[in-house]
Amino acid sequence: MSLTAEQHDLRDAVRGLLASASTSASAGGGGGGGAAWGRLCREVGVAGLAIPERYGGAGGGAAEVGVVMEELGRGLTPSPMLGSAVLAAQALLGTGDDAACERLLPAIAAGSATAALAWTTPAGRWSVGETGYRAAGARLDGEAHYVLDGDVADVLLAAARGPAGVGLYEVDPGQDGVSRTASVTMDATRALAVVRLTGARGRRVGGDATAGLDRARDLACLALAAEQAGAARRALELTVGYALTRVQFGRVIGSFQALQHRLADLHVLVESAVSLSRAAAADEGPGLGLRAAAAKVYCCEAAMRTAGEMIQLHGAIGITWEHPAHRYLKRAHGALHLFGGSAQHAAAIAASLIDG
C-alpha cells in the first residue's frame, strides 16, 4: 500500500519534526518526547487528525493516524497519541453525545488536554463484557488497569457496567474517590496506570456504549499495528546498517550468506506488516474489527521477531543498556499484550470465519 501525496507530506513533516526534537535533546536543548508532542500538536495538528472539524479536528481517519503512528514507532517516541487522540477520543465520539463532544474534544484535538479511557480489568482483554467498574446511579466503584496516560490525564473517561448496561462516564480525576497510580512497566516509554474509583461521581456520556467502545478499541488496534510496523522497519534499518559496517574475520558481517538470508526474511516480514497495517486502516467500514485484529496480531508479532533478531544480529552490543535494541524489544513485548493478546484476536478471527 503506497501513501498518497498528502500522506507523504504528513509523514515527512512528522519525521522532520521528530528528528529536530531529537537533535535538540541530544544537544541539551530540552527536546525529546514531551517537547516533540507539543510541537506535533501545534505545527502539524496530529492530536486532531481523526476528530471531526466541528470539534476542532482535521476530519481525517485511521489512515492518517497510521502515518503518524508509524513515525512515532520508528523512534519509540513517548506521546499520548494512542491513548488520548485515538482511544479516548474515539470512545467519546462513539457515544453520539454532541454536547460532551463539543465540551471535551476541542482541547483533546489541540493537544492542550490529555484524555484517558479507563476500561479493562487485570486480565487485559479489553472486552465490553469485562469492565473494571460498576455503576450505581452516578457513583462508580472498581479499578481499571493498563490505562494509557491514566496517572496524568486531564480528562478521565470510565467504562462501567450498571443496571442500564455498559456506559461511558466522565469522571473528574481530581475529586475524592479517585486514585491513580502509575504502573511499573517493562517498556518505560509507554505510560500505563491503575485507576481506582471508590464512590466517585461520574457523568454519563451518551447511552449504551457497547458499540462505541468496540469501535474505539478496533481503531486503537489499527493505530498500534501501524506503530509496531514503523518500529519493526526502523529496527531492521538499524540492523542492516550495522551488518554493513561491522567487520568480523576480516569481512563485514553483511557479506555472510547466512546473515543475508535472515535479513532478507525480515525484510519480507516487515514490508508485509507495513502493507497490512495500511490496507486495514484504509477501510473503516464493515469488518473493521476483523481487519484490526489481523493487523494487530501480525504487526505486533512482526515487531517482536524483528526486535529479537536485532539483538541477535548485533551480537554482544545488542544486549547492552546503551544500545537501543532492548527498547525495541520491550516496546514490542508490551504492544503484543495491549488491547488483548494475539490468541484472543486470532480466536475471534477464527470464530468469524467458521461461523461465516
Protein backbone atom coordinates (compact mmCIF):
# COMPACT_ATOMS: atom_id res chain seq x y z
CA MET A 1 0.00 0.00 0.00
CA SER A 2 1.55 3.29 -1.14
CA LEU A 3 0.96 6.57 0.62
CA THR A 4 -0.93 9.35 -1.12
CA ALA A 5 0.83 12.65 -1.82
CA GLU A 6 -0.86 14.22 1.20
CA GLN A 7 0.16 11.30 3.41
CA HIS A 8 3.75 11.58 2.14
CA ASP A 9 3.75 15.24 3.17
CA LEU A 10 2.33 14.33 6.57
CA ARG A 11 4.97 11.66 7.07
CA ASP A 12 7.79 13.99 6.06
CA ALA A 13 6.53 16.73 8.38
CA VAL A 14 6.28 14.38 11.36
CA ARG A 15 9.64 12.71 10.66
CA GLY A 16 11.41 16.03 10.24
CA LEU A 17 9.94 17.44 13.44
CA LEU A 18 10.87 14.33 15.44
CA ALA A 19 14.40 14.46 14.05
CA SER A 20 14.67 18.12 15.04
CA ALA A 21 13.40 17.39 18.55
CA SER A 22 15.84 14.50 18.90
CA THR A 23 18.74 16.70 17.82
CA SER A 24 17.68 19.38 20.29
CA ALA A 25 17.52 16.81 23.10
CA SER A 26 20.96 15.43 22.24
CA ALA A 27 22.40 18.93 22.32
CA GLY A 28 20.84 19.66 25.70
CA GLY A 29 18.12 21.82 24.22
CA GLY A 30 15.27 20.26 26.16
CA GLY A 31 13.78 18.29 23.28
CA GLY A 32 12.58 14.69 23.49
CA GLY A 33 9.16 13.08 23.68
CA GLY A 34 7.31 15.75 25.67
CA ALA A 35 8.60 18.69 23.65
CA ALA A 36 8.06 16.80 20.40
CA TRP A 37 4.42 16.12 21.26
CA GLY A 38 3.75 19.80 21.87
CA ARG A 39 5.27 20.74 18.54
CA LEU A 40 3.46 17.92 16.72
CA CYS A 41 0.16 19.28 18.01
CA ARG A 42 0.89 22.95 17.34
CA GLU A 43 2.66 22.63 14.00
CA VAL A 44 1.11 19.51 12.44
CA GLY A 45 -2.14 19.03 14.36
CA VAL A 46 -1.63 15.31 14.94
CA ALA A 47 -3.90 15.10 18.01
CA GLY A 48 -6.91 16.18 15.96
CA LEU A 49 -6.30 14.14 12.81
CA ALA A 50 -9.22 11.74 13.35
CA ILE A 51 -11.51 14.21 15.14
CA PRO A 52 -14.24 15.89 13.05
CA GLU A 53 -13.73 19.50 12.06
CA ARG A 54 -16.77 20.65 14.03
CA TYR A 55 -14.96 19.61 17.21
CA GLY A 56 -11.68 21.30 16.31
CA GLY A 57 -10.06 18.43 14.44
CA ALA A 58 -8.93 17.81 10.87
CA GLY A 59 -11.60 15.29 9.92
CA GLY A 60 -9.16 12.60 8.83
CA GLY A 61 -9.27 8.92 9.62
CA ALA A 62 -7.35 5.80 10.57
CA ALA A 63 -5.08 6.03 7.53
CA GLU A 64 -3.76 9.46 8.54
CA VAL A 65 -3.40 8.37 12.15
CA GLY A 66 -1.44 5.36 10.90
CA VAL A 67 1.06 7.58 9.10
CA VAL A 68 1.79 9.43 12.34
CA MET A 69 1.91 6.24 14.40
CA GLU A 70 4.45 4.68 12.04
CA GLU A 71 6.75 7.64 12.61
CA LEU A 72 6.23 7.64 16.37
CA GLY A 73 7.00 3.93 16.34
CA ARG A 74 10.25 4.39 14.45
CA GLY A 75 11.78 6.36 17.30
CA LEU A 76 9.66 4.87 20.11
CA THR A 77 8.63 8.45 20.85
CA PRO A 78 6.63 8.76 24.10
CA SER A 79 3.34 10.55 23.43
CA PRO A 80 -0.36 10.43 24.34
CA MET A 81 -1.32 9.93 20.69
CA LEU A 82 -2.54 6.36 21.14
CA GLY A 83 -4.35 6.74 24.45
CA SER A 84 -5.74 10.26 24.12
CA ALA A 85 -6.08 11.20 20.45
CA VAL A 86 -7.18 7.73 19.35
CA LEU A 87 -8.65 5.51 22.09
CA ALA A 88 -10.29 8.09 24.38
CA ALA A 89 -11.32 10.49 21.60
CA GLN A 90 -12.93 7.73 19.55
CA ALA A 91 -14.74 6.33 22.59
CA LEU A 92 -16.16 9.80 23.19
CA LEU A 93 -17.18 10.19 19.55
CA GLY A 94 -18.83 6.77 19.71
CA THR A 95 -21.32 7.96 22.33
CA GLY A 96 -23.00 10.32 19.87
CA ASP A 97 -23.28 12.87 22.68
CA ASP A 98 -22.79 16.18 20.83
CA ALA A 99 -22.75 18.29 23.99
CA ALA A 100 -20.00 16.20 25.59
CA CYS A 101 -18.00 16.14 22.36
CA GLU A 102 -18.27 19.92 21.98
CA ARG A 103 -17.13 20.36 25.58
CA LEU A 104 -14.20 17.93 25.62
CA LEU A 105 -12.89 17.23 22.13
CA PRO A 106 -11.51 20.67 21.11
CA ALA A 107 -8.90 20.60 23.87
CA ILE A 108 -8.03 16.98 23.07
CA ALA A 109 -7.71 17.84 19.37
CA ALA A 110 -5.44 20.79 20.18
CA GLY A 111 -3.27 18.65 22.45
CA SER A 112 -3.82 21.07 25.33
CA ALA A 113 -5.62 18.34 27.29
CA THR A 114 -4.79 14.64 27.57
CA ALA A 115 -7.63 12.16 27.85
CA ALA A 116 -7.55 8.62 29.22
CA LEU A 117 -10.03 5.78 28.87
CA ALA A 118 -10.18 3.56 31.96
CA TRP A 119 -11.75 0.29 30.95
CA THR A 120 -10.19 -3.14 31.32
CA THR A 121 -9.54 -5.50 34.24
CA PRO A 122 -6.20 -7.11 35.21
CA ALA A 123 -6.90 -9.80 32.58
CA GLY A 124 -6.45 -7.11 29.91
CA ARG A 125 -8.97 -8.46 27.42
CA TRP A 126 -10.43 -5.04 26.54
CA SER A 127 -13.86 -6.62 26.15
CA VAL A 128 -17.12 -4.79 26.78
CA GLY A 129 -18.22 -7.84 28.70
CA GLU A 130 -15.41 -7.29 31.18
CA THR A 131 -15.22 -3.74 32.51
CA GLY A 132 -13.31 -2.64 35.57
CA TYR A 133 -16.10 -0.54 37.10
CA ARG A 134 -19.62 -0.93 38.42
CA ALA A 135 -22.10 1.94 38.25
CA ALA A 136 -24.86 2.60 40.75
CA GLY A 137 -26.59 5.74 39.59
CA ALA A 138 -23.89 8.39 39.26
CA ARG A 139 -21.45 6.59 41.59
CA LEU A 140 -18.66 4.37 40.27
CA ASP A 141 -16.63 1.72 42.08
CA GLY A 142 -13.84 -0.60 40.98
CA GLU A 143 -10.48 -0.34 39.27
CA ALA A 144 -9.20 -0.35 35.71
CA HIS A 145 -5.75 -1.50 34.64
CA TYR A 146 -3.42 -0.63 31.75
CA VAL A 147 -4.87 2.87 31.48
CA LEU A 148 -2.79 4.76 28.93
CA ASP A 149 -1.56 8.04 30.49
CA GLY A 150 -4.06 7.41 33.28
CA ASP A 151 -1.99 8.97 36.05
CA VAL A 152 -1.58 12.33 34.30
CA ALA A 153 -4.70 12.69 32.14
CA ASP A 154 -6.75 15.88 32.38
CA VAL A 155 -9.90 14.14 31.09
CA LEU A 156 -10.83 10.77 32.57
CA LEU A 157 -13.41 8.55 30.89
CA ALA A 158 -14.55 5.35 32.61
CA ALA A 159 -16.35 2.38 31.07
CA ALA A 160 -18.72 0.96 33.70
CA ARG A 161 -21.44 -1.65 33.86
CA GLY A 162 -24.71 -0.81 35.61
CA PRO A 163 -28.39 -1.75 35.57
CA ALA A 164 -28.80 0.01 32.22
CA GLY A 165 -25.86 -1.82 30.62
CA VAL A 166 -22.39 -0.55 29.78
CA GLY A 167 -21.95 3.21 29.76
CA LEU A 168 -19.17 5.73 29.38
CA TYR A 169 -18.77 8.18 32.26
CA GLU A 170 -16.85 11.41 32.53
CA VAL A 171 -15.06 11.46 35.89
CA ASP A 172 -13.29 14.44 37.45
CA PRO A 173 -9.82 13.00 38.18
CA GLY A 174 -9.23 15.49 40.98
CA GLN A 175 -12.18 14.51 43.18
CA ASP A 176 -12.08 12.40 46.31
CA GLY A 177 -12.64 8.76 45.50
CA VAL A 178 -10.24 8.76 42.54
CA SER A 179 -6.84 7.14 42.99
CA ARG A 180 -4.37 6.99 40.12
CA THR A 181 -1.14 5.01 40.36
CA ALA A 182 1.50 4.79 37.65
CA SER A 183 2.37 1.20 36.76
CA VAL A 184 5.91 -0.13 36.64
CA THR A 185 6.23 -1.41 33.08
CA MET A 186 8.84 -3.23 31.04
CA ASP A 187 8.52 -0.53 28.38
CA ALA A 188 9.42 2.72 30.12
CA THR A 189 8.32 4.73 27.05
CA ARG A 190 4.65 3.71 27.39
CA ALA A 191 2.91 5.22 30.42
CA LEU A 192 0.27 2.95 31.98
CA ALA A 193 -1.64 3.32 35.24
CA VAL A 194 -4.16 1.71 37.54
CA VAL A 195 -7.19 3.93 38.24
CA ARG A 196 -9.28 3.09 41.31
CA LEU A 197 -12.71 4.62 41.90
CA THR A 198 -14.38 4.47 45.29
CA GLY A 199 -17.83 6.00 45.17
CA ALA A 200 -16.56 8.53 42.63
CA ARG A 201 -19.10 10.72 40.89
CA GLY A 202 -19.45 10.15 37.17
CA ARG A 203 -21.40 11.96 34.47
CA ARG A 204 -22.81 9.53 31.94
CA VAL A 205 -21.99 10.40 28.34
CA GLY A 206 -24.50 9.17 25.79
CA GLY A 207 -26.44 5.92 26.10
CA ASP A 208 -25.27 2.35 25.64
CA ALA A 209 -21.52 2.48 25.00
CA THR A 210 -21.01 -1.06 23.71
CA ALA A 211 -20.65 -0.30 20.00
CA GLY A 212 -18.64 2.86 20.60
CA LEU A 213 -16.15 1.12 22.88
CA ASP A 214 -15.72 -1.77 20.46
CA ARG A 215 -15.03 0.62 17.60
CA ALA A 216 -12.63 2.70 19.69
CA ARG A 217 -10.67 -0.43 20.61
CA ASP A 218 -10.56 -1.54 16.96
CA LEU A 219 -9.25 1.85 15.82
CA ALA A 220 -6.68 1.75 18.63
CA CYS A 221 -5.59 -1.69 17.40
CA LEU A 222 -5.07 -0.24 13.92
CA ALA A 223 -3.02 2.61 15.35
CA LEU A 224 -0.95 0.20 17.44
CA ALA A 225 -0.37 -2.01 14.38
CA ALA A 226 0.97 1.00 12.47
CA GLU A 227 3.24 1.91 15.36
CA GLN A 228 4.64 -1.61 15.51
CA ALA A 229 5.14 -1.73 11.75
CA GLY A 230 7.10 1.52 11.96
CA ALA A 231 9.17 0.23 14.88
CA ALA A 232 9.92 -3.02 13.06
CA ARG A 233 11.01 -1.19 9.93
CA ARG A 234 13.36 1.06 11.91
CA ALA A 235 14.78 -1.88 13.86
CA LEU A 236 15.53 -3.63 10.57
CA GLU A 237 17.17 -0.48 9.14
CA LEU A 238 19.45 -0.23 12.15
CA THR A 239 20.33 -3.90 11.91
CA VAL A 240 21.12 -3.75 8.19
CA GLY A 241 23.26 -0.66 8.79
CA TYR A 242 25.20 -2.49 11.48
CA ALA A 243 25.67 -5.57 9.27
CA LEU A 244 27.18 -3.38 6.53
CA THR A 245 29.77 -1.82 8.85
CA ARG A 246 30.66 -4.46 11.45
CA VAL A 247 33.84 -6.31 10.49
CA GLN A 248 34.48 -9.86 11.71
CA PHE A 249 37.01 -12.38 10.38
CA GLY A 250 38.29 -9.70 8.03
CA ARG A 251 34.90 -9.11 6.34
CA VAL A 252 31.77 -7.08 7.01
CA ILE A 253 29.26 -9.48 8.53
CA GLY A 254 26.65 -8.44 5.97
CA SER A 255 28.67 -10.32 3.34
CA PHE A 256 27.98 -13.68 5.01
CA GLN A 257 25.22 -15.52 3.20
CA ALA A 258 23.59 -16.87 6.36
CA LEU A 259 23.05 -13.34 7.69
CA GLN A 260 21.85 -12.12 4.30
CA HIS A 261 19.14 -14.79 4.31
CA ARG A 262 17.99 -13.82 7.80
CA LEU A 263 17.85 -10.14 6.88
CA ALA A 264 16.00 -10.91 3.63
CA ASP A 265 13.38 -12.86 5.57
CA LEU A 266 12.99 -9.95 7.98
CA HIS A 267 12.61 -7.54 5.06
CA VAL A 268 9.68 -9.56 3.67
CA LEU A 269 8.13 -9.81 7.14
CA VAL A 270 8.42 -6.08 7.84
CA GLU A 271 7.18 -4.91 4.45
CA SER A 272 4.22 -7.28 4.74
CA ALA A 273 3.42 -5.80 8.15
CA VAL A 274 3.54 -2.25 6.79
CA SER A 275 1.30 -3.19 3.85
CA LEU A 276 -1.22 -4.99 6.04
CA SER A 277 -1.35 -2.12 8.50
CA ARG A 278 -2.00 0.44 5.79
CA ALA A 279 -4.54 -1.72 3.96
CA ALA A 280 -6.51 -2.38 7.16
CA ALA A 281 -6.58 1.33 8.02
CA ALA A 282 -7.77 2.32 4.55
CA ASP A 283 -11.27 0.94 5.17
CA GLU A 284 -13.18 1.81 8.35
CA GLY A 285 -16.41 0.20 7.12
CA PRO A 286 -17.98 -3.20 7.88
CA GLY A 287 -15.49 -5.81 9.01
CA LEU A 288 -13.31 -3.24 10.78
CA GLY A 289 -12.97 -5.44 13.86
CA LEU A 290 -11.55 -8.41 11.94
CA ARG A 291 -9.16 -6.28 9.90
CA ALA A 292 -7.96 -4.51 13.03
CA ALA A 293 -7.46 -7.82 14.84
CA ALA A 294 -5.48 -9.28 11.93
CA ALA A 295 -3.29 -6.18 11.61
CA LYS A 296 -2.68 -6.01 15.34
CA VAL A 297 -1.63 -9.66 15.61
CA TYR A 298 0.59 -9.69 12.53
CA CYS A 299 2.31 -6.34 13.08
CA CYS A 300 2.93 -6.88 16.78
CA GLU A 301 4.40 -10.33 16.20
CA ALA A 302 6.48 -8.99 13.30
CA ALA A 303 7.90 -6.28 15.57
CA MET A 304 8.62 -8.86 18.28
CA ARG A 305 10.53 -11.10 15.89
CA THR A 306 12.41 -8.21 14.28
CA ALA A 307 13.45 -6.79 17.65
CA GLY A 308 14.64 -10.22 18.76
CA GLU A 309 16.68 -10.67 15.60
CA MET A 310 18.04 -7.15 16.03
CA ILE A 311 19.54 -8.14 19.36
CA GLN A 312 20.89 -11.42 18.00
CA LEU A 313 22.47 -9.93 14.87
CA HIS A 314 24.12 -7.11 16.80
CA GLY A 315 25.92 -9.62 18.97
CA ALA A 316 27.21 -8.52 22.37
CA ILE A 317 26.45 -4.82 21.86
CA GLY A 318 22.80 -5.71 21.30
CA ILE A 319 22.31 -6.69 24.95
CA THR A 320 23.87 -3.56 26.43
CA TRP A 321 21.77 -0.88 28.13
CA GLU A 322 23.26 1.87 25.97
CA HIS A 323 22.13 0.29 22.68
CA PRO A 324 18.51 0.93 21.61
CA ALA A 325 17.83 -2.73 20.72
CA HIS A 326 16.40 -3.54 24.14
CA ARG A 327 13.98 -0.62 23.88
CA TYR A 328 12.51 -2.01 20.65
CA LEU A 329 12.14 -5.44 22.23
CA LYS A 330 10.42 -4.02 25.31
CA ARG A 331 8.02 -1.91 23.23
CA ALA A 332 7.17 -4.93 21.08
CA HIS A 333 6.59 -7.13 24.11
CA GLY A 334 4.24 -4.59 25.70
CA ALA A 335 2.35 -3.94 22.46
CA LEU A 336 1.83 -7.66 21.97
CA HIS A 337 -0.45 -7.73 25.03
CA LEU A 338 -2.06 -4.28 24.79
CA PHE A 339 -5.74 -4.24 23.70
CA GLY A 340 -5.88 -8.04 24.01
CA GLY A 341 -3.31 -10.73 23.27
CA SER A 342 -2.69 -12.46 19.96
CA ALA A 343 -4.52 -15.64 20.99
CA GLN A 344 -7.66 -13.66 21.83
CA HIS A 345 -7.70 -11.83 18.50
CA ALA A 346 -6.81 -14.94 16.48
CA ALA A 347 -9.67 -16.82 18.16
CA ALA A 348 -12.10 -14.06 17.21
CA ILE A 349 -10.94 -14.18 13.59
CA ALA A 350 -11.22 -17.97 13.51
CA ALA A 351 -14.71 -17.92 15.03
CA SER A 352 -15.86 -15.41 12.44
CA LEU A 353 -14.52 -17.49 9.56
CA ILE A 354 -16.02 -20.70 10.91
CA ASP A 355 -19.40 -19.15 11.65
CA GLY A 356 -19.43 -17.42 8.29
